[in-house]
PDB file of N, CA and C in Angstrom:
ATOM      1  N   UNK A   1      19.647   0.750  -8.847  1.00  0.00           N
ATOM      2  CA  UNK A   1      17.853   1.179  -8.948  1.00  0.00           C
ATOM      3  C   UNK A   1      18.070  -1.184  -9.025  1.00  0.00           C
ATOM      4  N   UNK A   2      17.089  -1.564  -8.262  1.00  0.00           N
ATOM      5  CA  UNK A   2      16.272  -2.801  -8.049  1.00  0.00           C
ATOM      6  C   UNK A   2      15.456  -3.121  -9.153  1.00  0.00           C
ATOM      7  N   UNK A   3      15.676  -4.397  -9.499  1.00  0.00           N
ATOM      8  CA  UNK A   3      14.570  -5.198 -10.446  1.00  0.00           C
ATOM      9  C   UNK A   3      13.117  -5.080 -10.137  1.00  0.00           C
ATOM     10  N   UNK A   4      12.588  -5.233  -9.123  1.00  0.00           N
ATOM     11  CA  UNK A   4      11.291  -4.678  -8.456  1.00  0.00           C
ATOM     12  C   UNK A   4      10.898  -3.284  -8.659  1.00  0.00           C
ATOM     13  N   UNK A   5      11.845  -2.298  -8.575  1.00  0.00           N
ATOM     14  CA  UNK A   5      11.557  -0.897  -8.662  1.00  0.00           C
ATOM     15  C   UNK A   5      11.280  -0.460 -10.280  1.00  0.00           C
ATOM     16  N   UNK A   6      12.154  -1.375 -10.975  1.00  0.00           N
ATOM     17  CA  UNK A   6      12.235  -0.915 -12.089  1.00  0.00           C
ATOM     18  C   UNK A   6      10.634  -1.826 -12.818  1.00  0.00           C
ATOM     19  N   UNK A   7      10.183  -2.622 -12.424  1.00  0.00           N
ATOM     20  CA  UNK A   7       9.017  -3.917 -12.646  1.00  0.00           C
ATOM     21  C   UNK A   7       8.191  -2.555 -12.136  1.00  0.00           C
ATOM     22  N   UNK A   8       8.262  -1.933 -11.167  1.00  0.00           N
ATOM     23  CA  UNK A   8       7.190  -0.908 -10.851  1.00  0.00           C
ATOM     24  C   UNK A   8       6.683   0.138 -11.821  1.00  0.00           C
ATOM     25  N   UNK A   9       8.222   1.102 -12.065  1.00  0.00           N
ATOM     26  CA  UNK A   9       8.198   1.759 -13.127  1.00  0.00           C
ATOM     27  C   UNK A   9       7.450   1.526 -14.458  1.00  0.00           C
ATOM     28  N   UNK A  10       7.591   0.594 -14.733  1.00  0.00           N
ATOM     29  CA  UNK A  10       7.236   0.248 -16.219  1.00  0.00           C
ATOM     30  C   UNK A  10       5.727  -0.373 -15.841  1.00  0.00           C
ATOM     31  N   UNK A  11       5.249  -0.665 -14.954  1.00  0.00           N
ATOM     32  CA  UNK A  11       3.836  -1.190 -14.700  1.00  0.00           C
ATOM     33  C   UNK A  11       3.046   0.456 -14.695  1.00  0.00           C
ATOM     34  N   UNK A  12       3.805   1.020 -13.997  1.00  0.00           N
ATOM     35  CA  UNK A  12       2.985   3.201 -13.950  1.00  0.00           C
ATOM     36  C   UNK A  12       3.091   3.210 -15.224  1.00  0.00           C
ATOM     37  N   UNK A  13       4.044   3.278 -15.695  1.00  0.00           N
ATOM     38  CA  UNK A  13       4.025   3.562 -17.248  1.00  0.00           C
ATOM     39  C   UNK A  13       3.043   3.220 -17.908  1.00  0.00           C
ATOM     40  N   UNK A  14       3.002   2.063 -17.781  1.00  0.00           N
ATOM     41  CA  UNK A  14       1.670   1.516 -18.418  1.00  0.00           C
ATOM     42  C   UNK A  14       0.687   2.116 -18.222  1.00  0.00           C
ATOM     43  N   UNK A  15       0.315   2.212 -16.881  1.00  0.00           N
ATOM     44  CA  UNK A  15      -1.180   2.411 -16.525  1.00  0.00           C
ATOM     45  C   UNK A  15      -1.228   3.921 -16.667  1.00  0.00           C
ATOM     46  N   UNK A  16      -0.378   4.985 -16.873  1.00  0.00           N
ATOM     47  CA  UNK A  16      -0.075   5.867 -17.201  1.00  0.00           C
ATOM     48  C   UNK A  16      -0.721   6.412 -18.944  1.00  0.00           C
ATOM     49  N   UNK A  17      -0.146   5.387 -19.831  1.00  0.00           N
ATOM     50  CA  UNK A  17      -0.489   5.442 -20.673  1.00  0.00           C
ATOM     51  C   UNK A  17      -1.803   5.249 -21.276  1.00  0.00           C
ATOM     52  N   UNK A  18      -2.201   3.825 -20.473  1.00  0.00           N
ATOM     53  CA  UNK A  18      -3.488   3.827 -20.266  1.00  0.00           C
ATOM     54  C   UNK A  18      -4.675   4.886 -20.141  1.00  0.00           C
ATOM     55  N   UNK A  19      -4.590   5.407 -19.023  1.00  0.00           N
ATOM     56  CA  UNK A  19      -5.351   6.329 -18.890  1.00  0.00           C
ATOM     57  C   UNK A  19      -4.990   7.086 -19.733  1.00  0.00           C
ATOM     58  N   UNK A  20      -3.981   7.942 -19.981  1.00  0.00           N
ATOM     59  CA  UNK A  20      -3.704   8.494 -21.203  1.00  0.00           C
ATOM     60  C   UNK A  20      -4.431   8.642 -23.200  1.00  0.00           C
ATOM     61  N   UNK A  21      -4.743   7.095 -22.919  1.00  0.00           N
ATOM     62  CA  UNK A  21      -5.464   6.943 -24.255  1.00  0.00           C
ATOM     63  C   UNK A  21      -7.296   7.326 -23.748  1.00  0.00           C
ATOM     64  N   UNK A  22      -7.265   6.683 -22.989  1.00  0.00           N
ATOM     65  CA  UNK A  22      -8.758   6.908 -22.610  1.00  0.00           C
ATOM     66  C   UNK A  22      -9.355   8.250 -22.132  1.00  0.00           C
ATOM     67  N   UNK A  23      -8.868   8.853 -21.583  1.00  0.00           N
ATOM     68  CA  UNK A  23      -8.790  10.581 -21.903  1.00  0.00           C
ATOM     69  C   UNK A  23      -8.926  11.336 -23.105  1.00  0.00           C
ATOM     70  N   UNK A  24      -8.016  10.774 -24.053  1.00  0.00           N
ATOM     71  CA  UNK A  24      -8.325  11.188 -25.702  1.00  0.00           C
ATOM     72  C   UNK A  24      -9.001  10.662 -25.768  1.00  0.00           C
ATOM     73  N   UNK A  25      -9.609   9.055 -25.899  1.00  0.00           N
ATOM     74  CA  UNK A  25     -10.662   8.286 -25.829  1.00  0.00           C
ATOM     75  C   UNK A  25     -12.228   9.038 -25.641  1.00  0.00           C
ATOM     76  N   UNK A  26     -11.986   9.680 -25.195  1.00  0.00           N
ATOM     77  CA  UNK A  26     -13.666  10.189 -23.938  1.00  0.00           C
ATOM     78  C   UNK A  26     -13.284  11.869 -24.689  1.00  0.00           C
ATOM     79  N   UNK A  27     -12.558  12.998 -24.472  1.00  0.00           N
ATOM     80  CA  UNK A  27     -12.279  13.983 -24.925  1.00  0.00           C
ATOM     81  C   UNK A  27     -12.968  13.791 -26.813  1.00  0.00           C
ATOM     82  N   UNK A  28     -12.530  12.901 -27.437  1.00  0.00           N
ATOM     83  CA  UNK A  28     -12.838  12.797 -28.647  1.00  0.00           C
ATOM     84  C   UNK A  28     -14.499  13.027 -28.771  1.00  0.00           C
ATOM     85  N   UNK A  29     -15.135  11.893 -27.797  1.00  0.00           N
ATOM     86  CA  UNK A  29     -16.121  11.122 -28.227  1.00  0.00           C
ATOM     87  C   UNK A  29     -17.286  12.885 -27.561  1.00  0.00           C
ATOM     88  N   UNK A  30     -16.757  13.596 -26.688  1.00  0.00           N
ATOM     89  CA  UNK A  30     -17.022  14.936 -26.102  1.00  0.00           C
ATOM     90  C   UNK A  30     -17.316  15.942 -27.473  1.00  0.00           C
ATOM     91  N   UNK A  31     -16.120  16.218 -28.162  1.00  0.00           N
ATOM     92  CA  UNK A  31     -15.765  16.836 -28.894  1.00  0.00           C
ATOM     93  C   UNK A  31     -17.243  16.611 -30.229  1.00  0.00           C
ATOM     94  N   UNK A  32     -16.998  15.299 -30.748  1.00  0.00           N
ATOM     95  CA  UNK A  32     -18.027  14.867 -31.300  1.00  0.00           C
ATOM     96  C   UNK A  32     -19.296  15.090 -31.248  1.00  0.00           C
ATOM     97  N   UNK A  33     -19.918  15.290 -30.256  1.00  0.00           N
ATOM     98  CA  UNK A  33     -20.912  15.140 -29.655  1.00  0.00           C
ATOM     99  C   UNK A  33     -21.188  16.692 -28.939  1.00  0.00           C
ATOM    100  N   UNK A  34     -20.715  17.837 -29.541  1.00  0.00           N
ATOM    101  CA  UNK A  34     -20.661  18.693 -29.214  1.00  0.00           C
ATOM    102  C   UNK A  34     -20.984  19.888 -28.561  1.00  0.00           C
ATOM    103  N   UNK A  35     -20.505  18.360 -27.003  1.00  0.00           N
ATOM    104  CA  UNK A  35     -20.677  19.521 -25.806  1.00  0.00           C
ATOM    105  C   UNK A  35     -19.910  19.922 -25.634  1.00  0.00           C
ATOM    106  N   UNK A  36     -18.415  20.112 -25.954  1.00  0.00           N
ATOM    107  CA  UNK A  36     -17.436  20.577 -25.502  1.00  0.00           C
ATOM    108  C   UNK A  36     -16.531  20.882 -27.051  1.00  0.00           C
ATOM    109  N   UNK A  37     -15.647  22.587 -26.746  1.00  0.00           N
ATOM    110  CA  UNK A  37     -14.947  23.465 -27.274  1.00  0.00           C
ATOM    111  C   UNK A  37     -13.963  22.769 -27.785  1.00  0.00           C
ATOM    112  N   UNK A  38     -12.634  23.108 -28.500  1.00  0.00           N
ATOM    113  CA  UNK A  38     -12.097  23.198 -28.650  1.00  0.00           C
ATOM    114  C   UNK A  38     -11.056  23.450 -27.778  1.00  0.00           C
ATOM    115  N   UNK A  39     -10.901  24.656 -27.126  1.00  0.00           N
ATOM    116  CA  UNK A  39     -10.140  25.290 -26.314  1.00  0.00           C
ATOM    117  C   UNK A  39     -10.783  24.504 -24.711  1.00  0.00           C
ATOM    118  N   UNK A  40     -11.507  24.241 -24.881  1.00  0.00           N
ATOM    119  CA  UNK A  40     -12.030  23.005 -23.583  1.00  0.00           C
ATOM    120  C   UNK A  40     -11.300  21.876 -23.640  1.00  0.00           C
ATOM    121  N   UNK A  41     -11.351  21.431 -24.455  1.00  0.00           N
ATOM    122  CA  UNK A  41     -10.606  20.618 -24.826  1.00  0.00           C
ATOM    123  C   UNK A  41      -9.516  20.032 -24.473  1.00  0.00           C
ATOM    124  N   UNK A  42      -8.433  20.695 -25.402  1.00  0.00           N
ATOM    125  CA  UNK A  42      -7.004  21.133 -24.768  1.00  0.00           C
ATOM    126  C   UNK A  42      -7.285  21.689 -22.887  1.00  0.00           C
ATOM    127  N   UNK A  43      -7.925  22.676 -22.698  1.00  0.00           N
ATOM    128  CA  UNK A  43      -7.564  22.408 -21.192  1.00  0.00           C
ATOM    129  C   UNK A  43      -7.323  21.371 -20.575  1.00  0.00           C
ATOM    130  N   UNK A  44      -8.613  20.725 -20.701  1.00  0.00           N
ATOM    131  CA  UNK A  44      -9.394  19.524 -19.966  1.00  0.00           C
ATOM    132  C   UNK A  44      -8.137  18.184 -20.395  1.00  0.00           C
ATOM    133  N   UNK A  45      -7.417  18.453 -21.503  1.00  0.00           N
ATOM    134  CA  UNK A  45      -6.327  17.210 -21.585  1.00  0.00           C
ATOM    135  C   UNK A  45      -5.320  17.606 -20.973  1.00  0.00           C
ATOM    136  N   UNK A  46      -4.804  19.054 -20.853  1.00  0.00           N
ATOM    137  CA  UNK A  46      -3.742  19.446 -19.907  1.00  0.00           C
ATOM    138  C   UNK A  46      -3.583  19.318 -18.593  1.00  0.00           C
ATOM    139  N   UNK A  47      -4.888  19.236 -17.937  1.00  0.00           N
ATOM    140  CA  UNK A  47      -5.249  19.288 -16.951  1.00  0.00           C
ATOM    141  C   UNK A  47      -5.154  17.482 -16.440  1.00  0.00           C
ATOM    142  N   UNK A  48      -5.521  16.642 -17.186  1.00  0.00           N
ATOM    143  CA  UNK A  48      -6.176  15.309 -16.713  1.00  0.00           C
ATOM    144  C   UNK A  48      -4.505  14.989 -16.760  1.00  0.00           C
ATOM    145  N   UNK A  49      -3.505  14.993 -18.100  1.00  0.00           N
ATOM    146  CA  UNK A  49      -2.401  14.287 -17.636  1.00  0.00           C
ATOM    147  C   UNK A  49      -1.483  15.334 -16.881  1.00  0.00           C
ATOM    148  N   UNK A  50      -1.074  16.532 -16.260  1.00  0.00           N
ATOM    149  CA  UNK A  50      -1.013  17.413 -15.208  1.00  0.00           C
ATOM    150  C   UNK A  50      -1.313  16.306 -14.099  1.00  0.00           C
ATOM    151  N   UNK A  51      -2.429  16.161 -13.887  1.00  0.00           N
ATOM    152  CA  UNK A  51      -2.852  14.921 -12.659  1.00  0.00           C
ATOM    153  C   UNK A  51      -2.599  13.419 -12.711  1.00  0.00           C
ATOM    154  N   UNK A  52      -2.295  13.348 -13.655  1.00  0.00           N
ATOM    155  CA  UNK A  52      -1.490  11.745 -13.310  1.00  0.00           C
ATOM    156  C   UNK A  52      -0.107  11.945 -13.292  1.00  0.00           C
ATOM    157  N   UNK A  53       0.346  12.645 -14.195  1.00  0.00           N
ATOM    158  CA  UNK A  53       1.980  12.852 -14.006  1.00  0.00           C
ATOM    159  C   UNK A  53       2.229  12.717 -12.351  1.00  0.00           C
ATOM    160  N   UNK A  54       1.246  13.589 -11.922  1.00  0.00           N
ATOM    161  CA  UNK A  54       1.667  13.785 -10.257  1.00  0.00           C
ATOM    162  C   UNK A  54       1.511  13.086  -9.932  1.00  0.00           C
ATOM    163  N   UNK A  55       0.217  11.960  -9.698  1.00  0.00           N
ATOM    164  CA  UNK A  55       0.177  10.955  -9.144  1.00  0.00           C
ATOM    165  C   UNK A  55       1.465   9.817  -9.513  1.00  0.00           C
ATOM    166  N   UNK A  56       1.812   9.252 -10.977  1.00  0.00           N
ATOM    167  CA  UNK A  56       2.682   8.567 -11.524  1.00  0.00           C
ATOM    168  C   UNK A  56       4.042   9.155 -10.612  1.00  0.00           C
ATOM    169  N   UNK A  57       4.407  10.531 -10.598  1.00  0.00           N
ATOM    170  CA  UNK A  57       5.371  10.872  -9.504  1.00  0.00           C
ATOM    171  C   UNK A  57       5.576  10.720  -7.685  1.00  0.00           C
ATOM    172  N   UNK A  58       4.481  11.509  -7.502  1.00  0.00           N
ATOM    173  CA  UNK A  58       4.223  10.557  -5.899  1.00  0.00           C
ATOM    174  C   UNK A  58       4.120   9.059  -5.774  1.00  0.00           C
ATOM    175  N   UNK A  59       3.834   8.065  -6.706  1.00  0.00           N
ATOM    176  CA  UNK A  59       4.196   6.703  -6.240  1.00  0.00           C
ATOM    177  C   UNK A  59       5.857   6.378  -6.663  1.00  0.00           C
TER     178      UNK A  59
END
């Protein structure tokens, strides 16, 4: 693995982490406004993470 590939991987991982934090934050806001139930929250979290992971893997 070249350094440029490694740098790209690290950058993508940090972007993925930021998206994960944003998803969690938005989900908490939705729960507190009682617009979403716990089961829906868990499903949304799981789907969002799977989508992000698949984007991450494709790159």
